[in-house]
């Protein structure tokens, strides 16, 4: 599985929180947990900070009622902070919801 495919899965799971006002925090935490799929693709130091930051990002940004295009923008911006993950931005064309 490529980094792009892993990022897409994380995005898909996080985006579910935008359509369900009752479980947004739970789904965001599941999506954050899915970040562990990227462990082998990142340096240990970058992964350490990424896995600490990802749950906070999801909790703050995966909110019910947020437009999906806004969430995609924030998602791509967050991932761009990590060199290993900065390429192949998620686009709405690849989003299935």
N, C-alpha and C. Protein backbone atom coordinates (compact mmCIF):
# COMPACT_ATOMS: atom_id res chain seq x y z
N UNK A 1 0.85 -1.18 0.00
CA UNK A 1 0.00 0.00 0.00
C UNK A 1 0.90 1.25 0.00
N UNK A 2 0.60 2.18 -0.87
CA UNK A 2 1.41 3.39 -0.96
C UNK A 2 1.06 4.39 0.15
N UNK A 3 1.92 5.38 0.33
CA UNK A 3 1.63 6.43 1.31
C UNK A 3 0.33 7.13 0.94
N UNK A 4 0.14 7.39 -0.34
CA UNK A 4 -1.09 8.06 -0.78
C UNK A 4 -2.33 7.24 -0.42
N UNK A 5 -2.27 5.94 -0.62
CA UNK A 5 -3.40 5.08 -0.28
C UNK A 5 -3.67 5.07 1.22
N UNK A 6 -2.61 5.07 2.00
CA UNK A 6 -2.77 5.12 3.46
C UNK A 6 -3.38 6.45 3.89
N UNK A 7 -2.89 7.54 3.31
CA UNK A 7 -3.46 8.86 3.62
C UNK A 7 -4.93 8.92 3.24
N UNK A 8 -5.27 8.32 2.10
CA UNK A 8 -6.66 8.32 1.64
C UNK A 8 -7.55 7.58 2.64
N UNK A 9 -7.10 6.44 3.15
CA UNK A 9 -7.89 5.70 4.13
C UNK A 9 -8.10 6.52 5.41
N UNK A 10 -7.05 7.18 5.86
CA UNK A 10 -7.16 8.01 7.06
C UNK A 10 -8.14 9.14 6.81
N UNK A 11 -8.04 9.77 5.64
CA UNK A 11 -8.95 10.86 5.28
C UNK A 11 -10.40 10.38 5.24
N UNK A 12 -10.62 9.24 4.60
CA UNK A 12 -11.98 8.70 4.49
C UNK A 12 -12.59 8.49 5.88
N UNK A 13 -11.81 7.91 6.78
CA UNK A 13 -12.33 7.63 8.12
C UNK A 13 -12.59 8.94 8.87
N UNK A 14 -11.68 9.88 8.75
CA UNK A 14 -11.87 11.16 9.43
C UNK A 14 -13.06 11.92 8.86
N UNK A 15 -13.26 11.82 7.56
CA UNK A 15 -14.36 12.54 6.92
C UNK A 15 -15.72 12.02 7.37
N UNK A 16 -15.79 10.79 7.83
CA UNK A 16 -17.05 10.27 8.36
C UNK A 16 -17.55 11.14 9.52
N UNK A 17 -16.62 11.71 10.26
CA UNK A 17 -17.01 12.54 11.40
C UNK A 17 -17.78 13.78 10.96
N UNK A 18 -17.60 14.17 9.71
CA UNK A 18 -18.29 15.36 9.22
C UNK A 18 -19.76 15.09 8.95
N UNK A 19 -20.15 13.83 8.87
CA UNK A 19 -21.53 13.48 8.54
C UNK A 19 -22.30 12.91 9.73
N UNK A 20 -21.68 12.81 10.88
CA UNK A 20 -22.33 12.20 12.05
C UNK A 20 -22.02 13.04 13.28
N UNK A 21 -23.00 13.82 13.73
CA UNK A 21 -22.76 14.73 14.85
C UNK A 21 -22.66 14.02 16.19
N UNK A 22 -23.02 12.73 16.25
CA UNK A 22 -23.02 12.04 17.53
C UNK A 22 -21.70 11.35 17.86
N UNK A 23 -20.95 10.98 16.85
CA UNK A 23 -19.74 10.20 17.09
C UNK A 23 -18.49 10.82 16.49
N UNK A 24 -18.49 12.13 16.31
CA UNK A 24 -17.35 12.74 15.63
C UNK A 24 -16.05 12.53 16.38
N UNK A 25 -16.06 12.65 17.70
CA UNK A 25 -14.83 12.46 18.47
C UNK A 25 -14.34 11.02 18.38
N UNK A 26 -15.26 10.06 18.52
CA UNK A 26 -14.87 8.65 18.44
C UNK A 26 -14.27 8.31 17.08
N UNK A 27 -14.91 8.76 16.01
CA UNK A 27 -14.42 8.46 14.67
C UNK A 27 -13.10 9.17 14.40
N UNK A 28 -12.97 10.36 14.93
CA UNK A 28 -11.70 11.08 14.77
C UNK A 28 -10.56 10.34 15.45
N UNK A 29 -10.84 9.78 16.62
CA UNK A 29 -9.80 9.04 17.34
C UNK A 29 -9.45 7.74 16.61
N UNK A 30 -10.44 7.10 16.00
CA UNK A 30 -10.16 5.91 15.19
C UNK A 30 -9.27 6.29 14.01
N UNK A 31 -9.61 7.40 13.35
CA UNK A 31 -8.80 7.86 12.22
C UNK A 31 -7.38 8.16 12.67
N UNK A 32 -7.25 8.78 13.83
CA UNK A 32 -5.93 9.08 14.36
C UNK A 32 -5.16 7.78 14.62
N UNK A 33 -5.85 6.78 15.14
CA UNK A 33 -5.21 5.49 15.35
C UNK A 33 -4.74 4.86 14.05
N UNK A 34 -5.47 5.13 12.98
CA UNK A 34 -5.07 4.61 11.68
C UNK A 34 -3.75 5.23 11.21
N UNK A 35 -3.35 6.33 11.83
CA UNK A 35 -2.07 6.95 11.50
C UNK A 35 -0.90 6.01 11.68
N UNK A 36 -1.08 4.98 12.49
CA UNK A 36 -0.01 4.02 12.71
C UNK A 36 0.35 3.25 11.43
N UNK A 37 -0.54 3.28 10.44
CA UNK A 37 -0.21 2.65 9.15
C UNK A 37 1.00 3.31 8.51
N UNK A 38 1.27 4.56 8.88
CA UNK A 38 2.36 5.31 8.25
C UNK A 38 3.69 5.15 8.99
N UNK A 39 3.73 4.36 10.02
CA UNK A 39 4.94 4.23 10.84
C UNK A 39 6.16 3.82 10.02
N UNK A 40 6.00 2.86 9.14
CA UNK A 40 7.13 2.36 8.37
C UNK A 40 7.57 3.32 7.26
N UNK A 41 6.77 4.35 7.00
CA UNK A 41 7.08 5.30 5.93
C UNK A 41 7.76 6.56 6.43
N UNK A 42 7.91 6.69 7.75
CA UNK A 42 8.42 7.93 8.33
C UNK A 42 9.64 7.66 9.21
N UNK A 43 10.45 8.70 9.37
CA UNK A 43 11.56 8.58 10.32
C UNK A 43 10.96 8.46 11.72
N UNK A 44 11.64 7.78 12.65
CA UNK A 44 11.10 7.63 14.01
C UNK A 44 10.78 8.97 14.67
N UNK A 45 11.63 9.97 14.48
CA UNK A 45 11.40 11.28 15.11
C UNK A 45 10.15 11.96 14.54
N UNK A 46 10.01 11.96 13.20
CA UNK A 46 8.84 12.57 12.58
C UNK A 46 7.56 11.81 12.95
N UNK A 47 7.66 10.49 12.99
CA UNK A 47 6.47 9.71 13.33
C UNK A 47 6.03 10.00 14.76
N UNK A 48 6.98 10.13 15.67
CA UNK A 48 6.66 10.44 17.07
C UNK A 48 5.81 11.71 17.15
N UNK A 49 6.25 12.78 16.48
CA UNK A 49 5.50 14.04 16.54
C UNK A 49 4.18 13.95 15.78
N UNK A 50 4.20 13.23 14.66
CA UNK A 50 2.99 13.06 13.87
C UNK A 50 1.91 12.36 14.67
N UNK A 51 2.28 11.29 15.35
CA UNK A 51 1.28 10.49 16.07
C UNK A 51 0.80 11.22 17.33
N UNK A 52 1.58 12.16 17.85
CA UNK A 52 1.10 13.00 18.94
C UNK A 52 0.16 14.08 18.44
N UNK A 53 0.45 14.63 17.27
CA UNK A 53 -0.33 15.74 16.72
C UNK A 53 -1.63 15.30 16.06
N UNK A 54 -1.64 14.11 15.48
CA UNK A 54 -2.79 13.67 14.70
C UNK A 54 -4.10 13.62 15.48
N UNK A 55 -4.15 13.06 16.70
CA UNK A 55 -5.43 13.06 17.42
C UNK A 55 -5.95 14.48 17.70
N UNK A 56 -5.06 15.39 18.05
CA UNK A 56 -5.48 16.77 18.29
C UNK A 56 -6.02 17.40 17.01
N UNK A 57 -5.32 17.16 15.90
CA UNK A 57 -5.79 17.69 14.62
C UNK A 57 -7.20 17.17 14.31
N UNK A 58 -7.39 15.86 14.46
CA UNK A 58 -8.68 15.27 14.14
C UNK A 58 -9.78 15.83 15.04
N UNK A 59 -9.48 15.96 16.31
CA UNK A 59 -10.50 16.45 17.24
C UNK A 59 -10.89 17.89 16.92
N UNK A 60 -9.91 18.71 16.54
CA UNK A 60 -10.18 20.11 16.26
C UNK A 60 -10.81 20.35 14.90
N UNK A 61 -10.52 19.48 13.93
CA UNK A 61 -10.93 19.74 12.55
C UNK A 61 -12.02 18.84 12.00
N UNK A 62 -12.18 17.65 12.53
CA UNK A 62 -13.22 16.74 12.02
C UNK A 62 -14.52 17.03 12.76
N UNK A 63 -15.16 18.08 12.38
CA UNK A 63 -16.36 18.55 13.07
C UNK A 63 -17.60 18.42 12.20
N UNK A 64 -18.68 18.03 12.83
CA UNK A 64 -19.97 17.94 12.14
C UNK A 64 -20.30 19.28 11.51
N UNK A 65 -20.70 19.24 10.26
CA UNK A 65 -21.13 20.45 9.57
C UNK A 65 -20.02 21.17 8.82
N UNK A 66 -18.75 20.78 9.00
CA UNK A 66 -17.66 21.42 8.25
C UNK A 66 -17.74 20.98 6.80
N UNK A 67 -17.65 21.93 5.86
CA UNK A 67 -17.64 21.53 4.45
C UNK A 67 -16.46 20.60 4.15
N UNK A 68 -16.70 19.58 3.35
CA UNK A 68 -15.67 18.59 3.07
C UNK A 68 -14.46 19.22 2.39
N UNK A 69 -14.66 20.24 1.56
CA UNK A 69 -13.52 20.87 0.90
C UNK A 69 -12.65 21.61 1.90
N UNK A 70 -13.25 22.20 2.92
CA UNK A 70 -12.47 22.85 3.98
C UNK A 70 -11.66 21.82 4.75
N UNK A 71 -12.30 20.71 5.07
CA UNK A 71 -11.59 19.67 5.81
C UNK A 71 -10.45 19.11 4.98
N UNK A 72 -10.65 18.90 3.69
CA UNK A 72 -9.58 18.40 2.82
C UNK A 72 -8.40 19.37 2.82
N UNK A 73 -8.68 20.66 2.78
CA UNK A 73 -7.62 21.67 2.80
C UNK A 73 -6.80 21.56 4.09
N UNK A 74 -7.49 21.51 5.24
CA UNK A 74 -6.79 21.41 6.53
C UNK A 74 -6.02 20.10 6.65
N UNK A 75 -6.60 19.03 6.13
CA UNK A 75 -5.96 17.72 6.17
C UNK A 75 -4.64 17.76 5.39
N UNK A 76 -4.69 18.28 4.17
CA UNK A 76 -3.49 18.37 3.35
C UNK A 76 -2.45 19.28 3.98
N UNK A 77 -2.90 20.38 4.55
CA UNK A 77 -1.97 21.32 5.20
C UNK A 77 -1.27 20.64 6.38
N UNK A 78 -2.01 19.91 7.19
CA UNK A 78 -1.42 19.22 8.34
C UNK A 78 -0.38 18.21 7.87
N UNK A 79 -0.71 17.40 6.87
CA UNK A 79 0.22 16.39 6.41
C UNK A 79 1.45 17.00 5.75
N UNK A 80 1.33 18.20 5.22
CA UNK A 80 2.47 18.84 4.56
C UNK A 80 3.58 19.22 5.54
N UNK A 81 3.27 19.25 6.83
CA UNK A 81 4.30 19.56 7.84
C UNK A 81 5.33 18.44 7.98
N UNK A 82 5.02 17.27 7.46
CA UNK A 82 5.89 16.11 7.58
C UNK A 82 6.42 15.75 6.19
N UNK A 83 7.74 15.87 5.97
CA UNK A 83 8.30 15.70 4.63
C UNK A 83 7.90 14.39 3.94
N UNK A 84 7.84 13.31 4.69
CA UNK A 84 7.51 12.03 4.08
C UNK A 84 6.07 11.97 3.57
N UNK A 85 5.21 12.83 4.10
CA UNK A 85 3.78 12.77 3.79
C UNK A 85 3.29 13.94 2.95
N UNK A 86 4.19 14.83 2.57
CA UNK A 86 3.77 16.09 1.98
C UNK A 86 3.30 15.98 0.53
N UNK A 87 3.72 14.95 -0.20
CA UNK A 87 3.31 14.81 -1.59
C UNK A 87 1.94 14.19 -1.72
N UNK A 88 1.42 14.19 -2.95
CA UNK A 88 0.14 13.53 -3.26
C UNK A 88 -0.98 13.98 -2.34
N UNK A 89 -1.37 15.23 -2.47
CA UNK A 89 -2.46 15.76 -1.66
C UNK A 89 -3.75 15.02 -1.94
N UNK A 90 -4.55 14.88 -0.91
CA UNK A 90 -5.89 14.31 -1.04
C UNK A 90 -6.76 15.31 -1.80
N UNK A 91 -7.52 14.83 -2.76
CA UNK A 91 -8.44 15.69 -3.50
C UNK A 91 -9.85 15.19 -3.31
N UNK A 92 -10.81 16.07 -3.55
CA UNK A 92 -12.20 15.67 -3.40
C UNK A 92 -12.62 14.66 -4.46
N UNK A 93 -11.94 14.64 -5.60
CA UNK A 93 -12.25 13.66 -6.63
C UNK A 93 -12.07 12.24 -6.11
N UNK A 94 -11.10 12.07 -5.22
CA UNK A 94 -10.83 10.72 -4.72
C UNK A 94 -11.64 10.39 -3.48
N UNK A 95 -12.46 11.34 -3.04
CA UNK A 95 -13.25 11.13 -1.83
C UNK A 95 -14.61 10.55 -2.19
N UNK A 96 -14.99 9.48 -1.53
CA UNK A 96 -16.19 8.73 -1.96
C UNK A 96 -17.49 9.16 -1.28
N UNK A 97 -17.42 10.01 -0.26
CA UNK A 97 -18.67 10.40 0.43
C UNK A 97 -19.42 11.42 -0.41
